[in-house]
PDB file of N, CA and C in Angstrom:
ATOM      1  N   MET A   1      53.530 125.932 -32.498  1.00  0.00           N
ATOM      2  CA  MET A   1      54.995 125.801 -32.152  1.00  0.00           C
ATOM      3  C   MET A   1      55.084 124.471 -31.331  1.00  0.00           C
ATOM      4  N   ALA A   2      56.060 123.624 -31.831  1.00  0.00           N
ATOM      5  CA  ALA A   2      56.347 122.356 -31.057  1.00  0.00           C
ATOM      6  C   ALA A   2      57.262 122.660 -29.868  1.00  0.00           C
ATOM      7  N   ASP A   3      57.002 121.980 -28.707  1.00  0.00           N
ATOM      8  CA  ASP A   3      57.845 122.153 -27.575  1.00  0.00           C
ATOM      9  C   ASP A   3      58.053 120.742 -27.033  1.00  0.00           C
ATOM     10  N   GLY A   4      58.864 120.038 -27.603  1.00  0.00           N
ATOM     11  CA  GLY A   4      59.180 118.676 -27.171  1.00  0.00           C
ATOM     12  C   GLY A   4      58.666 117.583 -28.111  1.00  0.00           C
ATOM     13  N   ILE A   5      59.606 116.789 -28.440  1.00  0.00           N
ATOM     14  CA  ILE A   5      59.302 115.679 -29.418  1.00  0.00           C
ATOM     15  C   ILE A   5      59.914 114.370 -28.834  1.00  0.00           C
ATOM     16  N   THR A   6      59.133 113.255 -29.035  1.00  0.00           N
ATOM     17  CA  THR A   6      59.703 111.924 -28.581  1.00  0.00           C
ATOM     18  C   THR A   6      59.214 110.817 -29.623  1.00  0.00           C
ATOM     19  N   GLY A   7      59.907 109.744 -29.542  1.00  0.00           N
ATOM     20  CA  GLY A   7      59.579 108.778 -30.505  1.00  0.00           C
ATOM     21  C   GLY A   7      59.532 107.325 -29.849  1.00  0.00           C
ATOM     22  N   THR A   8      59.072 106.399 -30.558  1.00  0.00           N
ATOM     23  CA  THR A   8      59.054 105.019 -30.079  1.00  0.00           C
ATOM     24  C   THR A   8      59.860 104.165 -30.995  1.00  0.00           C
ATOM     25  N   ALA A   9      60.099 102.901 -30.571  1.00  0.00           N
ATOM     26  CA  ALA A   9      60.928 101.954 -31.346  1.00  0.00           C
ATOM     27  C   ALA A   9      60.363 101.619 -32.729  1.00  0.00           C
ATOM     28  N   ASP A  10      59.085 101.776 -32.946  1.00  0.00           N
ATOM     29  CA  ASP A  10      58.544 101.465 -34.256  1.00  0.00           C
ATOM     30  C   ASP A  10      58.517 102.714 -35.174  1.00  0.00           C
ATOM     31  N   GLY A  11      59.073 103.794 -34.716  1.00  0.00           N
ATOM     32  CA  GLY A  11      59.243 104.956 -35.545  1.00  0.00           C
ATOM     33  C   GLY A  11      58.194 105.988 -35.387  1.00  0.00           C
ATOM     34  N   THR A  12      57.255 105.827 -34.578  1.00  0.00           N
ATOM     35  CA  THR A  12      56.121 106.766 -34.318  1.00  0.00           C
ATOM     36  C   THR A  12      56.773 108.002 -33.531  1.00  0.00           C
ATOM     37  N   ILE A  13      56.349 109.151 -34.034  1.00  0.00           N
ATOM     38  CA  ILE A  13      56.838 110.439 -33.386  1.00  0.00           C
ATOM     39  C   ILE A  13      55.711 111.143 -32.778  1.00  0.00           C
ATOM     40  N   TYR A  14      55.905 111.662 -31.612  1.00  0.00           N
ATOM     41  CA  TYR A  14      54.857 112.491 -30.780  1.00  0.00           C
ATOM     42  C   TYR A  14      55.518 113.790 -30.525  1.00  0.00           C
ATOM     43  N   ALA A  15      54.651 114.908 -30.834  1.00  0.00           N
ATOM     44  CA  ALA A  15      55.092 116.255 -30.644  1.00  0.00           C
ATOM     45  C   ALA A  15      54.125 116.991 -29.871  1.00  0.00           C
ATOM     46  N   CYS A  16      54.582 117.791 -28.868  1.00  0.00           N
ATOM     47  CA  CYS A  16      53.703 118.708 -28.115  1.00  0.00           C
ATOM     48  C   CYS A  16      53.579 119.998 -28.911  1.00  0.00           C
ATOM     49  N   LEU A  17      52.375 120.390 -29.165  1.00  0.00           N
ATOM     50  CA  LEU A  17      52.118 121.608 -29.860  1.00  0.00           C
ATOM     51  C   LEU A  17      51.762 122.753 -28.774  1.00  0.00           C
ATOM     52  N   PHE A  18      52.724 123.395 -28.308  1.00  0.00           N
ATOM     53  CA  PHE A  18      52.662 124.263 -27.188  1.00  0.00           C
ATOM     54  C   PHE A  18      51.468 125.320 -27.327  1.00  0.00           C
ATOM     55  N   SER A  19      51.491 126.053 -28.462  1.00  0.00           N
ATOM     56  CA  SER A  19      50.593 127.104 -28.645  1.00  0.00           C
ATOM     57  C   SER A  19      49.074 126.695 -28.752  1.00  0.00           C
ATOM     58  N   SER A  20      48.903 125.588 -29.335  1.00  0.00           N
ATOM     59  CA  SER A  20      47.560 125.154 -29.557  1.00  0.00           C
ATOM     60  C   SER A  20      47.059 124.179 -28.476  1.00  0.00           C
ATOM     61  N   GLY A  21      47.934 123.742 -27.629  1.00  0.00           N
ATOM     62  CA  GLY A  21      47.563 122.819 -26.529  1.00  0.00           C
ATOM     63  C   GLY A  21      47.237 121.401 -26.987  1.00  0.00           C
ATOM     64  N   GLU A  22      47.950 120.975 -28.068  1.00  0.00           N
ATOM     65  CA  GLU A  22      47.579 119.681 -28.704  1.00  0.00           C
ATOM     66  C   GLU A  22      48.785 118.765 -28.691  1.00  0.00           C
ATOM     67  N   ILE A  23      48.577 117.504 -28.935  1.00  0.00           N
ATOM     68  CA  ILE A  23      49.670 116.528 -29.068  1.00  0.00           C
ATOM     69  C   ILE A  23      49.393 115.856 -30.466  1.00  0.00           C
ATOM     70  N   ALA A  24      50.408 115.845 -31.338  1.00  0.00           N
ATOM     71  CA  ALA A  24      50.335 115.359 -32.596  1.00  0.00           C
ATOM     72  C   ALA A  24      51.145 114.034 -32.662  1.00  0.00           C
ATOM     73  N   LYS A  25      50.680 113.099 -33.530  1.00  0.00           N
ATOM     74  CA  LYS A  25      51.224 111.740 -33.760  1.00  0.00           C
ATOM     75  C   LYS A  25      51.641 111.751 -35.204  1.00  0.00           C
ATOM     76  N   ALA A  26      52.880 111.386 -35.592  1.00  0.00           N
ATOM     77  CA  ALA A  26      53.247 111.206 -36.903  1.00  0.00           C
ATOM     78  C   ALA A  26      53.858 109.809 -37.141  1.00  0.00           C
ATOM     79  N   VAL A  27      53.298 109.082 -38.195  1.00  0.00           N
ATOM     80  CA  VAL A  27      53.775 107.826 -38.612  1.00  0.00           C
ATOM     81  C   VAL A  27      54.167 107.897 -40.039  1.00  0.00           C
ATOM     82  N   LYS A  28      55.377 107.255 -40.317  1.00  0.00           N
ATOM     83  CA  LYS A  28      55.839 107.200 -41.689  1.00  0.00           C
ATOM     84  C   LYS A  28      54.780 106.838 -42.673  1.00  0.00           C
ATOM     85  N   GLY A  29      54.567 107.701 -43.658  1.00  0.00           N
ATOM     86  CA  GLY A  29      53.729 107.283 -44.798  1.00  0.00           C
ATOM     87  C   GLY A  29      52.199 107.774 -44.528  1.00  0.00           C
ATOM     88  N   ALA A  30      51.987 108.492 -43.405  1.00  0.00           N
ATOM     89  CA  ALA A  30      50.638 109.008 -43.057  1.00  0.00           C
ATOM     90  C   ALA A  30      50.701 110.421 -42.640  1.00  0.00           C
ATOM     91  N   ASP A  31      49.612 111.157 -42.841  1.00  0.00           N
ATOM     92  CA  ASP A  31      49.513 112.510 -42.318  1.00  0.00           C
ATOM     93  C   ASP A  31      49.524 112.547 -40.875  1.00  0.00           C
ATOM     94  N   PRO A  32      50.152 113.538 -40.355  1.00  0.00           N
ATOM     95  CA  PRO A  32      50.114 113.658 -38.800  1.00  0.00           C
ATOM     96  C   PRO A  32      48.699 113.843 -38.308  1.00  0.00           C
ATOM     97  N   GLU A  33      48.417 113.404 -37.117  1.00  0.00           N
ATOM     98  CA  GLU A  33      47.039 113.458 -36.531  1.00  0.00           C
ATOM     99  C   GLU A  33      47.191 113.910 -35.133  1.00  0.00           C
ATOM    100  N   ILE A  34      46.085 114.695 -34.700  1.00  0.00           N
ATOM    101  CA  ILE A  34      46.014 115.203 -33.299  1.00  0.00           C
ATOM    102  C   ILE A  34      45.438 114.105 -32.460  1.00  0.00           C
ATOM    103  N   ILE A  35      46.140 113.728 -31.392  1.00  0.00           N
ATOM    104  CA  ILE A  35      45.679 112.578 -30.532  1.00  0.00           C
ATOM    105  C   ILE A  35      45.178 113.163 -29.176  1.00  0.00           C
ATOM    106  N   ALA A  36      45.458 114.397 -28.892  1.00  0.00           N
ATOM    107  CA  ALA A  36      44.941 114.987 -27.695  1.00  0.00           C
ATOM    108  C   ALA A  36      44.865 116.416 -27.811  1.00  0.00           C
ATOM    109  N   SER A  37      43.890 117.101 -27.184  1.00  0.00           N
ATOM    110  CA  SER A  37      43.708 118.557 -27.292  1.00  0.00           C
ATOM    111  C   SER A  37      43.206 119.072 -26.081  1.00  0.00           C
ATOM    112  N   GLY A  38      43.148 120.407 -25.890  1.00  0.00           N
ATOM    113  CA  GLY A  38      42.638 121.021 -24.686  1.00  0.00           C
ATOM    114  C   GLY A  38      43.652 121.072 -23.530  1.00  0.00           C
ATOM    115  N   LEU A  39      44.934 120.786 -23.858  1.00  0.00           N
ATOM    116  CA  LEU A  39      45.963 120.830 -22.757  1.00  0.00           C
ATOM    117  C   LEU A  39      46.504 122.214 -22.630  1.00  0.00           C
ATOM    118  N   LYS A  40      46.956 122.492 -21.451  1.00  0.00           N
ATOM    119  CA  LYS A  40      47.502 123.862 -21.235  1.00  0.00           C
ATOM    120  C   LYS A  40      49.070 123.733 -21.266  1.00  0.00           C
ATOM    121  N   THR A  41      49.637 124.446 -22.283  1.00  0.00           N
ATOM    122  CA  THR A  41      51.142 124.533 -22.455  1.00  0.00           C
ATOM    123  C   THR A  41      51.812 123.207 -22.454  1.00  0.00           C
ATOM    124  N   PRO A  42      51.504 122.234 -23.255  1.00  0.00           N
ATOM    125  CA  PRO A  42      52.155 120.889 -23.231  1.00  0.00           C
ATOM    126  C   PRO A  42      53.539 120.920 -23.592  1.00  0.00           C
ATOM    127  N   ALA A  43      54.404 120.205 -22.905  1.00  0.00           N
ATOM    128  CA  ALA A  43      55.867 120.146 -23.245  1.00  0.00           C
ATOM    129  C   ALA A  43      56.472 118.859 -22.747  1.00  0.00           C
ATOM    130  N   THR A  44      57.645 118.592 -23.222  1.00  0.00           N
ATOM    131  CA  THR A  44      58.532 117.500 -22.692  1.00  0.00           C
ATOM    132  C   THR A  44      57.800 116.087 -22.665  1.00  0.00           C
ATOM    133  N   PRO A  45      57.446 115.522 -23.774  1.00  0.00           N
ATOM    134  CA  PRO A  45      56.706 114.233 -23.888  1.00  0.00           C
ATOM    135  C   PRO A  45      57.687 113.057 -23.560  1.00  0.00           C
ATOM    136  N   VAL A  46      57.138 112.018 -22.958  1.00  0.00           N
ATOM    137  CA  VAL A  46      57.911 110.805 -22.641  1.00  0.00           C
ATOM    138  C   VAL A  46      56.974 109.666 -22.801  1.00  0.00           C
ATOM    139  N   VAL A  47      57.368 108.617 -23.498  1.00  0.00           N
ATOM    140  CA  VAL A  47      56.659 107.406 -23.581  1.00  0.00           C
ATOM    141  C   VAL A  47      57.099 106.468 -22.673  1.00  0.00           C
ATOM    142  N   LYS A  48      56.209 105.861 -21.756  1.00  0.00           N
ATOM    143  CA  LYS A  48      56.607 104.963 -20.696  1.00  0.00           C
ATOM    144  C   LYS A  48      55.385 104.004 -20.365  1.00  0.00           C
ATOM    145  N   ASP A  49      55.555 102.711 -20.418  1.00  0.00           N
ATOM    146  CA  ASP A  49      54.533 101.778 -19.914  1.00  0.00           C
ATOM    147  C   ASP A  49      53.235 101.913 -20.758  1.00  0.00           C
ATOM    148  N   GLY A  50      53.366 102.108 -22.059  1.00  0.00           N
ATOM    149  CA  GLY A  50      52.138 102.218 -22.851  1.00  0.00           C
ATOM    150  C   GLY A  50      51.252 103.469 -22.815  1.00  0.00           C
ATOM    151  N   SER A  51      51.912 104.545 -22.177  1.00  0.00           N
ATOM    152  CA  SER A  51      51.279 105.886 -22.165  1.00  0.00           C
ATOM    153  C   SER A  51      52.289 107.010 -22.589  1.00  0.00           C
ATOM    154  N   LEU A  52      51.749 108.064 -22.959  1.00  0.00           N
ATOM    155  CA  LEU A  52      52.531 109.183 -23.228  1.00  0.00           C
ATOM    156  C   LEU A  52      52.349 110.234 -22.050  1.00  0.00           C
ATOM    157  N   TYR A  53      53.393 110.576 -21.416  1.00  0.00           N
ATOM    158  CA  TYR A  53      53.294 111.589 -20.251  1.00  0.00           C
ATOM    159  C   TYR A  53      53.773 112.928 -20.775  1.00  0.00           C
ATOM    160  N   ILE A  54      53.114 113.981 -20.424  1.00  0.00           N
ATOM    161  CA  ILE A  54      53.444 115.335 -20.824  1.00  0.00           C
ATOM    162  C   ILE A  54      53.369 116.264 -19.690  1.00  0.00           C
ATOM    163  N   THR A  55      54.391 117.094 -19.559  1.00  0.00           N
ATOM    164  CA  THR A  55      54.351 118.119 -18.548  1.00  0.00           C
ATOM    165  C   THR A  55      53.683 119.341 -19.095  1.00  0.00           C
ATOM    166  N   SER A  56      53.378 120.355 -18.188  1.00  0.00           N
ATOM    167  CA  SER A  56      52.849 121.648 -18.534  1.00  0.00           C
ATOM    168  C   SER A  56      53.839 122.721 -18.086  1.00  0.00           C
ATOM    169  N   LEU A  57      54.248 123.626 -19.064  1.00  0.00           N
ATOM    170  CA  LEU A  57      55.201 124.623 -18.755  1.00  0.00           C
ATOM    171  C   LEU A  57      54.723 125.658 -17.750  1.00  0.00           C
ATOM    172  N   THR A  58      53.413 125.721 -17.624  1.00  0.00           N
ATOM    173  CA  THR A  58      52.901 126.767 -16.729  1.00  0.00           C
ATOM    174  C   THR A  58      52.488 126.241 -15.343  1.00  0.00           C
ATOM    175  N   GLY A  59      52.933 124.984 -15.030  1.00  0.00           N
ATOM    176  CA  GLY A  59      52.676 124.404 -13.854  1.00  0.00           C
ATOM    177  C   GLY A  59      51.220 123.747 -13.598  1.00  0.00           C
ATOM    178  N   SER A  60      50.619 123.389 -14.739  1.00  0.00           N
ATOM    179  CA  SER A  60      49.230 122.902 -14.707  1.00  0.00           C
ATOM    180  C   SER A  60      49.265 121.404 -14.419  1.00  0.00           C
ATOM    181  N   GLY A  61      50.345 120.804 -14.156  1.00  0.00           N
ATOM    182  CA  GLY A  61      50.450 119.390 -13.772  1.00  0.00           C
ATOM    183  C   GLY A  61      51.031 118.472 -14.869  1.00  0.00           C
ATOM    184  N   LEU A  62      50.671 117.264 -14.775  1.00  0.00           N
ATOM    185  CA  LEU A  62      51.244 116.166 -15.690  1.00  0.00           C
ATOM    186  C   LEU A  62      50.057 115.574 -16.347  1.00  0.00           C
ATOM    187  N   TYR A  63      50.097 115.488 -17.627  1.00  0.00           N
ATOM    188  CA  TYR A  63      49.073 114.764 -18.441  1.00  0.00           C
ATOM    189  C   TYR A  63      49.426 113.470 -18.772  1.00  0.00           C
ATOM    190  N   LYS A  64      48.523 112.428 -18.864  1.00  0.00           N
ATOM    191  CA  LYS A  64      48.822 111.083 -19.313  1.00  0.00           C
ATOM    192  C   LYS A  64      47.814 110.751 -20.408  1.00  0.00           C
ATOM    193  N   VAL A  65      48.424 110.347 -21.578  1.00  0.00           N
ATOM    194  CA  VAL A  65      47.645 109.937 -22.714  1.00  0.00           C
ATOM    195  C   VAL A  65      47.908 108.478 -22.978  1.00  0.00           C
ATOM    196  N   PRO A  66      46.951 107.620 -22.712  1.00  0.00           N
ATOM    197  CA  PRO A  66      47.069 106.155 -23.025  1.00  0.00           C
ATOM    198  C   PRO A  66      47.311 105.994 -24.593  1.00  0.00           C
ATOM    199  N   LEU A  67      48.191 105.156 -24.816  1.00  0.00           N
ATOM    200  CA  LEU A  67      48.486 104.731 -26.254  1.00  0.00           C
ATOM    201  C   LEU A  67      47.985 103.504 -26.619  1.00  0.00           C
ATOM    202  N   PRO A  68      47.477 103.255 -27.909  1.00  0.00           N
ATOM    203  CA  PRO A  68      47.038 101.915 -28.319  1.00  0.00           C
ATOM    204  C   PRO A  68      48.013 100.908 -28.238  1.00  0.00           C
ATOM    205  N   LYS A  69      47.724  99.726 -27.756  1.00  0.00           N
ATOM    206  CA  LYS A  69      48.589  98.609 -27.516  1.00  0.00           C
ATOM    207  C   LYS A  69      49.024  98.106 -28.952  1.00  0.00           C
ATOM    208  N   GLU A  70      50.350  97.845 -29.128  1.00  0.00           N
ATOM    209  CA  GLU A  70      50.904  97.342 -30.323  1.00  0.00           C
ATOM    210  C   GLU A  70      50.493  95.886 -30.487  1.00  0.00           C
ATOM    211  N   GLU A  71      50.192  95.518 -31.688  1.00  0.00           N
ATOM    212  CA  GLU A  71      49.735  94.072 -31.974  1.00  0.00           C
ATOM    213  C   GLU A  71      50.863  93.316 -32.537  1.00  0.00           C
TER     214      GLU A  71
END
């Protein structure tokens, strides 16, 4: 189950997969891929300063996932 989706100017979509503790990345024309796993109840993603920040619904903190730099 997804709990929060955000996107970037280039059309990339990031989704928090609450039940599985994963973050998925979707790019037009490609299959979605898991870019982070092992998170506890990820939700509410935000892209800022080249990283993806994700909260935890059960109070486990704030996760930071560095994103590849755009060329």
